Amino acid sequence: MANRRRQQSKIRPKTLSSTGQTGQQGVNFIEGILLKMGSRWTASGPNEVGIDGYIELFDPAKRVPLGLNLAVQSKVVSSIRDAVDEFRYTCNPSDLQYWLKTNLPVILIVSDPETQQGYWVSIPEVFRDWKPGDSTSILYRKEQHRFSTASLSELVRVAAPKGELYLPPRPTAERLWSNLLAIEGLPAVVYVAATQYRDPTDIWEILNRKKIRPASGWIIWEKKLISFEDLSSSDWDSICEPGTVEGFDTVEWSESDDPERTRLFVQLLNKTLRAQVDARLRFWPKDDCFAMVGEKRKQSYKSLKRTSGLSVVSQFSSKAKDGRVFHYRRHLAFRGQFRFLDGAWFLEITPTYRFTSDGFKRDMFHESRLKKIKEIEGNRAVLSCVLFWANHLQPEDGLFAGPQPPIVFGELKTINVNIGVDDKSWQQNDPDTAALDQQSSSQGLLPMEIPTGEAK
């Protein structure tokens, strides 16, 4: 009896190895990333001696194998969560010697599954000239070595035996923003009346004498005046010939198949846009653009996610070789082109800039400054300018909103596509553009400054 009790006291209950559990969590983390990436993971099994599994890389767009494989060793190190930017991991020399002998490239992934952090390096690349006795320490930089779905391109590069392999973008839904601003409303009637005047200057003299500022535009064509304004009103009785005023439904002009009528309608839209923004913007005929004028200032607008501020007029100075200092201003501007697409009218917004010496007078170096800024502005700067002008042209809302303008602008045309662009992979191959976009982003979507001048 006593002997049986001693035997029972030696029996220990079965328990789950905490070390094995932690190791499996690291492998599960890696496999989870690979599945999201569209690639495949195969575990080595119970007899592995330093390789936890193998990655087979797939084309995420076509879902076909690329014929590229990697061997993987996983290490779980929870302390990496406390590292800010970088950390070191020291390999076992025996493991390292084994990894360098394999016929597959080996990557070492150090992870903390609890915080979903993982970082990887290519062993053949880090220890290209390693020999026994050398250091086995690896420096992981978090930003550079992060293991995520965006790592696919780099994994392909490491696994590819020679040359480069092109991968199409990963299928992902994406919303594209165009520079086409929809027109949601127009005056209901286009008025046409006979007139004795042939020169717009003569008509403006009469309107100015009467202190009339039309809300919409007008054009002269074949001894007739065409406008969204009611030409039968007393404002126009001394300009139009009595009894000749006719009103047409606007749709007869906006959707006309007659090229001549369409051309006139576009002219009327252009004149009306100028009249509509006349109090806020200046139109420069020589450059065919609308621009902010006046002193240095910022203005708020609705960006994609929040209300942001944009420098609409900036002050700069540059110093010549002879010591002379030139002061100039950069004005936010745009060119507008009305287009009839797929049964609807849009204003095509092309962002640009205008440079002046005093807020109004064209700067003598305008062309060179414009060329320079076009060379360095990033995608986010262009997007923020398009969003700004769209927001600026849309009707104001709220308690202090003014009367409805003749042309009511709606939202920018967007397109939902099923195949998007992996920006991170793309930027890896275009570091200059990535740096400019990062610069714009750090400035809160503000356009870039000009490196040859200094903002005051």
Protein backbone atom coordinates (compact mmCIF):
# COMPACT_ATOMS: atom_id res chain seq x y z
CA MET A 1 0.00 0.00 0.00
CA ALA A 2 2.78 2.41 0.96
CA ASN A 3 4.62 1.57 -2.27
CA ARG A 4 1.49 2.35 -4.36
CA ARG A 5 1.11 5.76 -2.66
CA ARG A 6 4.79 6.59 -3.45
CA GLN A 7 4.23 5.68 -7.13
CA GLN A 8 1.09 7.86 -7.34
CA SER A 9 2.94 10.82 -5.78
CA LYS A 10 5.49 10.68 -8.70
CA ILE A 11 2.80 11.00 -11.40
CA ARG A 12 2.60 14.52 -12.85
CA PRO A 13 -0.46 15.74 -14.79
CA LYS A 14 -0.10 16.46 -18.50
CA THR A 15 0.43 20.20 -19.23
CA LEU A 16 0.72 22.32 -22.33
CA SER A 17 4.24 23.58 -22.86
CA SER A 18 4.26 27.38 -22.54
CA THR A 19 7.35 27.54 -24.76
CA GLY A 20 5.68 25.47 -27.45
CA GLN A 21 2.50 27.53 -27.18
CA THR A 22 4.38 30.79 -27.58
CA GLY A 23 6.30 29.43 -30.55
CA GLN A 24 3.09 28.34 -32.24
CA GLN A 25 1.60 31.81 -31.72
CA GLY A 26 4.55 33.24 -33.62
CA VAL A 27 4.02 30.78 -36.47
CA ASN A 28 0.28 31.55 -36.49
CA PHE A 29 1.09 35.26 -36.76
CA ILE A 30 3.32 34.63 -39.78
CA GLU A 31 0.78 32.38 -41.47
CA GLY A 32 -1.96 34.98 -40.91
CA ILE A 33 0.07 37.65 -42.70
CA LEU A 34 0.85 35.27 -45.58
CA LEU A 35 -2.82 34.35 -46.04
CA LYS A 36 -3.75 38.04 -46.23
CA MET A 37 -0.89 38.45 -48.70
CA GLY A 38 -2.35 35.70 -50.87
CA SER A 39 0.62 33.33 -50.43
CA ARG A 40 0.97 29.91 -48.81
CA TRP A 41 2.64 28.59 -45.63
CA THR A 42 3.78 25.00 -45.02
CA ALA A 43 4.97 23.98 -41.55
CA SER A 44 8.12 21.85 -41.25
CA GLY A 45 6.61 19.43 -38.76
CA PRO A 46 7.90 17.87 -35.55
CA ASN A 47 11.40 16.94 -36.78
CA GLU A 48 12.51 20.39 -37.85
CA VAL A 49 16.02 21.40 -36.82
CA GLY A 50 16.01 25.14 -37.41
CA ILE A 51 13.49 25.87 -40.15
CA ASP A 52 9.92 26.33 -38.90
CA GLY A 53 8.30 26.37 -42.32
CA TYR A 54 8.29 27.39 -45.94
CA ILE A 55 6.65 30.22 -47.87
CA GLU A 56 5.40 29.71 -51.42
CA LEU A 57 4.80 33.09 -53.02
CA PHE A 58 1.74 33.70 -55.23
CA ASP A 59 0.71 36.49 -57.59
CA PRO A 60 -2.03 38.22 -55.53
CA ALA A 61 -3.81 39.51 -58.64
CA LYS A 62 -3.94 36.26 -60.64
CA ARG A 63 -3.64 33.90 -57.65
CA VAL A 64 -1.07 31.78 -59.48
CA PRO A 65 2.20 30.51 -57.94
CA LEU A 66 5.33 32.45 -58.80
CA GLY A 67 7.61 29.45 -58.42
CA LEU A 68 9.43 31.24 -55.60
CA ASN A 69 10.00 29.77 -52.14
CA LEU A 70 11.59 30.90 -48.90
CA ALA A 71 12.56 29.07 -45.74
CA VAL A 72 11.51 30.71 -42.49
CA GLN A 73 12.67 30.58 -38.90
CA SER A 74 10.34 32.21 -36.38
CA LYS A 75 11.39 33.69 -33.05
CA VAL A 76 8.97 35.19 -30.54
CA VAL A 77 10.50 38.00 -28.48
CA SER A 78 7.94 39.97 -26.50
CA SER A 79 10.48 42.62 -25.44
CA ILE A 80 10.54 44.10 -28.96
CA ARG A 81 7.27 45.86 -28.16
CA ASP A 82 9.24 48.24 -25.91
CA ALA A 83 11.77 49.14 -28.60
CA VAL A 84 10.99 52.53 -30.15
CA ASP A 85 12.70 52.44 -33.54
CA GLU A 86 15.09 49.50 -33.57
CA PHE A 87 16.29 46.45 -31.64
CA ARG A 88 18.90 43.72 -31.89
CA TYR A 89 18.51 39.96 -31.99
CA THR A 90 21.45 37.58 -31.63
CA CYS A 91 21.29 34.25 -33.50
CA ASN A 92 22.68 30.94 -32.34
CA PRO A 93 25.88 30.37 -34.41
CA SER A 94 24.84 26.76 -35.11
CA ASP A 95 21.50 27.93 -36.50
CA LEU A 96 23.19 30.57 -38.60
CA GLN A 97 25.69 28.10 -40.04
CA TYR A 98 22.81 25.78 -40.97
CA TRP A 99 20.70 28.56 -42.57
CA LEU A 100 23.60 29.66 -44.75
CA LYS A 101 24.01 26.10 -46.09
CA THR A 102 20.43 25.64 -47.28
CA ASN A 103 19.51 25.79 -50.96
CA LEU A 104 16.67 28.22 -50.20
CA PRO A 105 16.99 31.80 -48.97
CA VAL A 106 16.21 31.85 -45.24
CA ILE A 107 14.42 34.74 -43.60
CA LEU A 108 14.34 35.22 -39.85
CA ILE A 109 11.08 36.69 -38.50
CA VAL A 110 11.12 38.06 -34.96
CA SER A 111 7.61 38.71 -33.68
CA ASP A 112 5.47 39.64 -30.71
CA PRO A 113 2.08 38.04 -31.54
CA GLU A 114 0.35 39.73 -28.62
CA THR A 115 0.93 43.19 -30.14
CA GLN A 116 0.83 41.90 -33.74
CA GLN A 117 4.33 43.15 -34.45
CA GLY A 118 6.71 41.25 -36.72
CA TYR A 119 10.01 42.13 -38.40
CA TRP A 120 12.09 40.19 -40.89
CA VAL A 121 15.51 40.09 -42.52
CA SER A 122 17.09 37.97 -45.23
CA ILE A 123 19.80 35.86 -43.61
CA PRO A 124 21.94 35.52 -46.80
CA GLU A 125 21.90 39.30 -47.26
CA VAL A 126 22.69 40.22 -43.64
CA PHE A 127 25.42 37.58 -43.25
CA ARG A 128 26.77 37.56 -46.81
CA ASP A 129 30.42 37.43 -45.68
CA TRP A 130 29.90 35.75 -42.32
CA LYS A 131 32.34 33.13 -41.01
CA PRO A 132 32.44 31.25 -37.70
CA GLY A 133 33.59 33.52 -34.91
CA ASP A 134 31.98 36.65 -36.36
CA SER A 135 29.12 38.41 -34.62
CA THR A 136 25.66 36.89 -35.06
CA SER A 137 23.80 40.01 -33.97
CA ILE A 138 21.11 41.43 -36.29
CA LEU A 139 19.90 45.03 -36.15
CA TYR A 140 16.17 45.30 -36.88
CA ARG A 141 14.84 48.72 -37.81
CA LYS A 142 11.09 48.74 -37.29
CA GLU A 143 10.14 50.98 -40.17
CA GLN A 144 12.44 49.21 -42.63
CA HIS A 145 11.97 45.56 -41.60
CA ARG A 146 8.27 45.37 -40.70
CA PHE A 147 6.64 42.08 -41.76
CA SER A 148 3.23 42.82 -43.25
CA THR A 149 1.19 42.30 -46.40
CA ALA A 150 3.22 45.15 -47.92
CA SER A 151 6.35 42.96 -47.68
CA LEU A 152 5.42 40.89 -50.73
CA SER A 153 7.55 42.81 -53.22
CA GLU A 154 10.61 42.56 -51.00
CA LEU A 155 10.03 38.84 -50.37
CA VAL A 156 9.83 38.32 -54.15
CA ARG A 157 13.09 40.18 -54.59
CA VAL A 158 14.83 38.01 -51.99
CA ALA A 159 13.38 34.76 -53.37
CA ALA A 160 13.94 35.52 -57.09
CA PRO A 161 17.17 33.86 -58.22
CA LYS A 162 18.03 36.44 -60.88
CA GLY A 163 16.73 39.68 -62.27
CA GLU A 164 13.51 41.42 -61.39
CA LEU A 165 9.97 40.09 -61.37
CA TYR A 166 7.05 42.40 -62.06
CA LEU A 167 3.93 41.96 -59.96
CA PRO A 168 0.64 43.63 -60.88
CA PRO A 169 -1.17 45.52 -58.11
CA ARG A 170 -2.92 43.49 -55.45
CA PRO A 171 -6.69 43.37 -56.06
CA THR A 172 -8.25 45.80 -53.66
CA ALA A 173 -11.20 48.15 -53.80
CA GLU A 174 -10.18 51.78 -54.15
CA ARG A 175 -11.93 55.09 -54.68
CA LEU A 176 -10.36 57.37 -57.28
CA TRP A 177 -10.96 61.13 -57.20
CA SER A 178 -11.12 62.95 -60.51
CA ASN A 179 -10.75 66.68 -61.19
CA LEU A 180 -14.26 66.79 -62.73
CA LEU A 181 -16.62 68.91 -60.65
CA ALA A 182 -20.26 68.07 -61.34
CA ILE A 183 -22.76 70.78 -62.26
CA GLU A 184 -25.98 70.15 -60.36
CA GLY A 185 -27.97 73.22 -61.26
CA LEU A 186 -28.28 75.92 -63.95
CA PRO A 187 -30.78 78.74 -64.58
CA ALA A 188 -33.91 77.35 -66.20
CA VAL A 189 -33.98 79.78 -69.13
CA VAL A 190 -31.52 81.06 -71.72
CA TYR A 191 -32.58 84.50 -73.01
CA VAL A 192 -31.80 85.75 -76.51
CA ALA A 193 -32.44 89.30 -77.71
CA ALA A 194 -31.39 91.53 -80.61
CA THR A 195 -28.95 94.33 -79.78
CA GLN A 196 -27.40 97.19 -81.65
CA TYR A 197 -24.11 96.85 -79.79
CA ARG A 198 -21.18 94.88 -81.20
CA ASP A 199 -18.48 95.64 -78.65
CA PRO A 200 -18.79 94.32 -75.06
CA THR A 201 -17.08 97.50 -73.84
CA ASP A 202 -20.07 99.57 -74.92
CA ILE A 203 -22.47 97.33 -72.99
CA TRP A 204 -20.28 97.41 -69.88
CA GLU A 205 -20.31 101.21 -69.98
CA ILE A 206 -24.10 101.19 -69.81
CA LEU A 207 -24.21 98.56 -67.05
CA ASN A 208 -21.58 100.42 -65.02
CA ARG A 209 -23.45 103.68 -65.46
CA LYS A 210 -26.58 102.00 -64.10
CA LYS A 211 -24.46 100.33 -61.37
CA ILE A 212 -25.67 96.91 -62.50
CA ARG A 213 -23.51 93.88 -61.81
CA PRO A 214 -25.13 90.86 -63.54
CA ALA A 215 -25.09 87.65 -61.52
CA SER A 216 -24.46 85.59 -64.64
CA GLY A 217 -22.59 86.15 -67.88
CA TRP A 218 -23.64 87.25 -71.34
CA ILE A 219 -22.21 86.96 -74.84
CA ILE A 220 -22.73 88.75 -78.16
CA TRP A 221 -23.37 86.61 -81.23
CA GLU A 222 -24.62 87.69 -84.65
CA LYS A 223 -26.22 90.96 -83.46
CA LYS A 224 -27.83 89.13 -80.54
CA LEU A 225 -27.25 89.05 -76.82
CA ILE A 226 -27.38 85.66 -75.08
CA SER A 227 -27.56 85.37 -71.30
CA PHE A 228 -29.06 83.61 -68.30
CA GLU A 229 -30.15 87.12 -67.19
CA ASP A 230 -33.74 88.11 -67.89
CA LEU A 231 -33.13 90.44 -70.83
CA SER A 232 -36.73 91.67 -70.72
CA SER A 233 -36.11 93.40 -67.38
CA SER A 234 -35.54 97.14 -67.05
CA ASP A 235 -31.81 96.52 -66.48
CA TRP A 236 -31.42 95.61 -70.14
CA ASP A 237 -34.02 97.81 -71.85
CA SER A 238 -31.44 100.26 -73.13
CA ILE A 239 -29.20 97.46 -74.41
CA CYS A 240 -31.63 95.04 -76.07
CA GLU A 241 -34.12 95.97 -78.78
CA PRO A 242 -37.66 96.02 -77.37
CA GLY A 243 -39.93 93.11 -78.38
CA THR A 244 -37.10 90.83 -79.51
CA VAL A 245 -36.48 88.97 -76.24
CA GLU A 246 -37.03 85.21 -76.42
CA GLY A 247 -36.65 82.60 -73.66
CA PHE A 248 -35.51 79.02 -74.31
CA ASP A 249 -35.37 76.10 -71.93
CA THR A 250 -31.76 75.75 -70.91
CA VAL A 251 -31.81 72.06 -71.79
CA GLU A 252 -32.33 73.05 -75.44
CA TRP A 253 -28.85 74.55 -75.28
CA SER A 254 -27.12 72.30 -72.74
CA GLU A 255 -28.06 69.08 -74.55
CA SER A 256 -28.13 70.37 -78.10
CA ASP A 257 -26.61 68.28 -80.91
CA ASP A 258 -25.78 71.46 -82.81
CA PRO A 259 -22.01 72.09 -82.43
CA GLU A 260 -22.50 75.84 -82.90
CA ARG A 261 -25.10 76.06 -80.15
CA THR A 262 -22.93 73.90 -77.85
CA ARG A 263 -19.98 76.21 -78.48
CA LEU A 264 -22.07 79.25 -77.56
CA PHE A 265 -23.37 77.50 -74.47
CA VAL A 266 -19.80 76.80 -73.28
CA GLN A 267 -18.95 80.47 -73.84
CA LEU A 268 -21.98 81.43 -71.75
CA LEU A 269 -20.89 79.05 -68.97
CA ASN A 270 -17.38 80.53 -69.00
CA LYS A 271 -18.70 84.08 -68.76
CA THR A 272 -21.11 83.07 -66.03
CA LEU A 273 -18.35 81.40 -63.98
CA ARG A 274 -16.31 84.61 -64.17
CA ALA A 275 -19.28 86.66 -63.00
CA GLN A 276 -20.03 84.16 -60.25
CA VAL A 277 -16.56 84.27 -58.66
CA ASP A 278 -15.76 87.87 -59.54
CA ALA A 279 -15.94 89.09 -55.94
CA ARG A 280 -13.49 86.43 -54.69
CA LEU A 281 -11.14 85.59 -57.57
CA ARG A 282 -9.38 87.40 -60.36
CA PHE A 283 -9.42 86.02 -63.89
CA TRP A 284 -6.17 86.46 -65.80
CA PRO A 285 -6.99 86.21 -69.55
CA LYS A 286 -3.35 85.89 -70.65
CA ASP A 287 -2.81 82.83 -68.45
CA ASP A 288 -6.45 81.69 -68.75
CA CYS A 289 -6.69 81.05 -65.03
CA PHE A 290 -8.53 82.16 -61.91
CA ALA A 291 -6.33 83.08 -58.94
CA MET A 292 -6.53 84.28 -55.38
CA VAL A 293 -5.26 87.85 -54.99
CA GLY A 294 -4.15 90.12 -52.18
CA GLU A 295 -2.11 89.55 -49.05
CA LYS A 296 -0.53 86.44 -47.59
CA ARG A 297 -3.17 84.29 -45.93
CA LYS A 298 -4.54 80.82 -45.33
CA GLN A 299 -8.03 79.53 -45.98
CA SER A 300 -9.82 76.46 -44.66
CA TYR A 301 -11.43 73.79 -46.81
CA LYS A 302 -12.80 70.28 -46.47
CA SER A 303 -10.17 67.70 -47.35
CA LEU A 304 -10.95 63.99 -47.60
CA LYS A 305 -11.16 63.40 -43.84
CA ARG A 306 -11.16 66.73 -42.08
CA THR A 307 -11.22 70.50 -42.36
CA SER A 308 -7.71 71.68 -43.23
CA GLY A 309 -5.93 74.96 -43.83
CA LEU A 310 -4.27 75.86 -47.11
CA SER A 311 -1.91 78.76 -47.93
CA VAL A 312 -3.79 80.45 -50.76
CA VAL A 313 -1.35 83.38 -50.94
CA SER A 314 2.25 82.93 -49.72
CA GLN A 315 5.01 85.49 -49.42
CA PHE A 316 8.59 84.63 -50.50
CA SER A 317 11.88 86.32 -51.21
CA SER A 318 14.95 85.29 -53.21
CA LYS A 319 18.44 86.73 -53.34
CA ALA A 320 20.31 87.28 -56.60
CA LYS A 321 24.07 86.75 -57.01
CA ASP A 322 24.63 90.51 -56.91
CA GLY A 323 22.90 90.73 -53.54
CA ARG A 324 19.58 92.12 -54.72
CA VAL A 325 16.53 90.73 -52.93
CA PHE A 326 13.33 90.01 -54.86
CA HIS A 327 10.03 89.69 -53.05
CA TYR A 328 7.20 87.82 -54.66
CA ARG A 329 3.95 86.06 -53.84
CA ARG A 330 2.57 82.70 -54.86
CA HIS A 331 -1.18 82.59 -55.49
CA LEU A 332 -3.26 79.46 -55.65
CA ALA A 333 -4.95 79.32 -59.09
CA PHE A 334 -6.82 77.01 -61.43
CA ARG A 335 -7.80 76.65 -65.05
CA GLY A 336 -11.40 75.65 -65.72
CA GLN A 337 -12.75 73.82 -68.76
CA PHE A 338 -16.43 72.90 -69.11
CA ARG A 339 -16.97 69.42 -70.50
CA PHE A 340 -20.10 67.44 -71.43
CA LEU A 341 -19.42 63.80 -70.54
CA ASP A 342 -21.83 60.88 -70.44
CA GLY A 343 -24.89 63.13 -70.52
CA ALA A 344 -23.77 65.57 -67.80
CA TRP A 345 -21.80 68.81 -67.55
CA PHE A 346 -18.63 69.09 -65.49
CA LEU A 347 -16.01 71.72 -64.78
CA GLU A 348 -12.55 70.24 -65.27
CA ILE A 349 -10.28 71.79 -62.65
CA THR A 350 -6.56 72.01 -63.40
CA PRO A 351 -4.69 73.41 -60.39
CA THR A 352 -1.90 75.85 -61.08
CA TYR A 353 -0.20 78.86 -59.51
CA ARG A 354 0.29 82.48 -60.34
CA PHE A 355 3.28 84.49 -59.13
CA THR A 356 3.08 88.23 -58.58
CA SER A 357 5.45 90.88 -57.27
CA ASP A 358 2.88 92.68 -55.14
CA GLY A 359 -0.29 90.58 -55.02
CA PHE A 360 -1.58 91.74 -58.42
CA LYS A 361 1.25 92.49 -60.88
CA ARG A 362 2.65 89.44 -62.72
CA ASP A 363 6.11 88.56 -61.42
CA MET A 364 8.90 88.86 -63.99
CA PHE A 365 10.04 85.30 -63.13
CA HIS A 366 6.53 83.83 -63.20
CA GLU A 367 7.26 81.19 -65.85
CA SER A 368 10.43 79.83 -64.23
CA ARG A 369 8.84 79.76 -60.76
CA LEU A 370 5.78 77.96 -62.14
CA LYS A 371 7.97 75.40 -63.91
CA LYS A 372 9.94 74.79 -60.73
CA ILE A 373 6.94 74.21 -58.52
CA LYS A 374 5.36 71.85 -61.05
CA GLU A 375 8.55 69.78 -60.97
CA ILE A 376 8.56 69.32 -57.22
CA GLU A 377 4.91 69.21 -56.15
CA GLY A 378 3.74 65.81 -54.96
CA ASN A 379 0.51 63.93 -55.60
CA ARG A 380 -0.99 64.92 -52.28
CA ALA A 381 -0.35 68.60 -53.00
CA VAL A 382 -2.19 68.34 -56.33
CA LEU A 383 -5.05 66.45 -54.68
CA SER A 384 -5.36 69.02 -51.91
CA CYS A 385 -5.52 71.84 -54.49
CA VAL A 386 -8.28 70.09 -56.47
CA LEU A 387 -10.24 69.50 -53.26
CA PHE A 388 -9.74 73.12 -52.24
CA TRP A 389 -11.07 74.54 -55.51
CA ALA A 390 -14.01 72.13 -55.55
CA ASN A 391 -14.90 73.20 -52.03
CA HIS A 392 -14.39 76.87 -52.89
CA LEU A 393 -16.74 76.73 -55.89
CA GLN A 394 -19.50 74.79 -54.16
CA PRO A 395 -22.36 76.86 -52.70
CA GLU A 396 -21.96 78.00 -49.12
CA ASP A 397 -24.29 76.53 -46.56
CA GLY A 398 -25.31 77.59 -43.10
CA LEU A 399 -27.03 80.61 -41.59
CA PHE A 400 -24.96 83.22 -43.45
CA ALA A 401 -25.01 81.59 -46.87
CA GLY A 402 -25.65 83.97 -49.76
CA PRO A 403 -28.13 83.58 -52.64
CA GLN A 404 -27.82 80.54 -54.84
CA PRO A 405 -25.31 81.12 -57.67
CA PRO A 406 -26.32 80.61 -61.33
CA ILE A 407 -24.05 77.56 -61.70
CA VAL A 408 -24.54 75.19 -58.76
CA PHE A 409 -21.52 72.91 -58.40
CA GLY A 410 -21.85 69.54 -56.72
CA GLU A 411 -19.23 66.95 -55.82
CA LEU A 412 -16.10 65.82 -57.60
CA LYS A 413 -16.64 62.80 -59.80
CA THR A 414 -15.29 59.64 -58.16
CA ILE A 415 -14.76 56.16 -59.51
CA ASN A 416 -14.73 52.94 -57.49
CA VAL A 417 -12.32 50.38 -58.90
CA ASN A 418 -11.69 46.80 -57.86
CA ILE A 419 -7.96 46.87 -58.57
CA GLY A 420 -6.11 49.48 -56.57
CA VAL A 421 -2.49 50.53 -56.39
CA ASP A 422 -0.32 49.41 -53.50
CA ASP A 423 1.12 52.82 -52.68
CA LYS A 424 3.76 51.47 -50.31
CA SER A 425 5.18 49.07 -52.90
CA TRP A 426 5.05 51.75 -55.56
CA GLN A 427 6.80 54.28 -53.36
CA GLN A 428 9.60 51.79 -52.62
CA ASN A 429 10.54 52.05 -56.29
CA ASP A 430 10.08 55.81 -56.44
CA PRO A 431 11.70 57.25 -53.30
CA ASP A 432 11.80 60.82 -54.65
CA THR A 433 8.03 60.98 -55.15
CA ALA A 434 7.49 59.22 -51.83
CA ALA A 435 9.59 61.87 -50.11
CA LEU A 436 7.58 64.69 -51.70
CA ASP A 437 4.30 63.06 -50.70
CA GLN A 438 5.62 62.59 -47.18
CA GLN A 439 6.60 66.25 -47.13
CA SER A 440 3.13 67.31 -48.22
CA SER A 441 1.57 64.97 -45.69
CA SER A 442 3.68 66.32 -42.85
CA GLN A 443 2.49 69.81 -43.80
CA GLY A 444 -1.13 68.78 -43.43
CA LEU A 445 -1.77 68.46 -47.16
CA LEU A 446 -0.21 71.85 -47.83
CA PRO A 447 1.54 72.33 -51.17
CA MET A 448 5.30 72.40 -50.98
CA GLU A 449 7.44 75.48 -50.54
CA ILE A 450 9.86 76.63 -53.21
CA PRO A 451 13.45 75.67 -52.33
CA THR A 452 14.97 78.73 -54.04
CA GLY A 453 13.10 81.13 -51.80
CA GLU A 454 12.35 81.49 -48.17
CA ALA A 455 8.84 81.88 -46.80
CA LYS A 456 8.45 84.83 -44.49
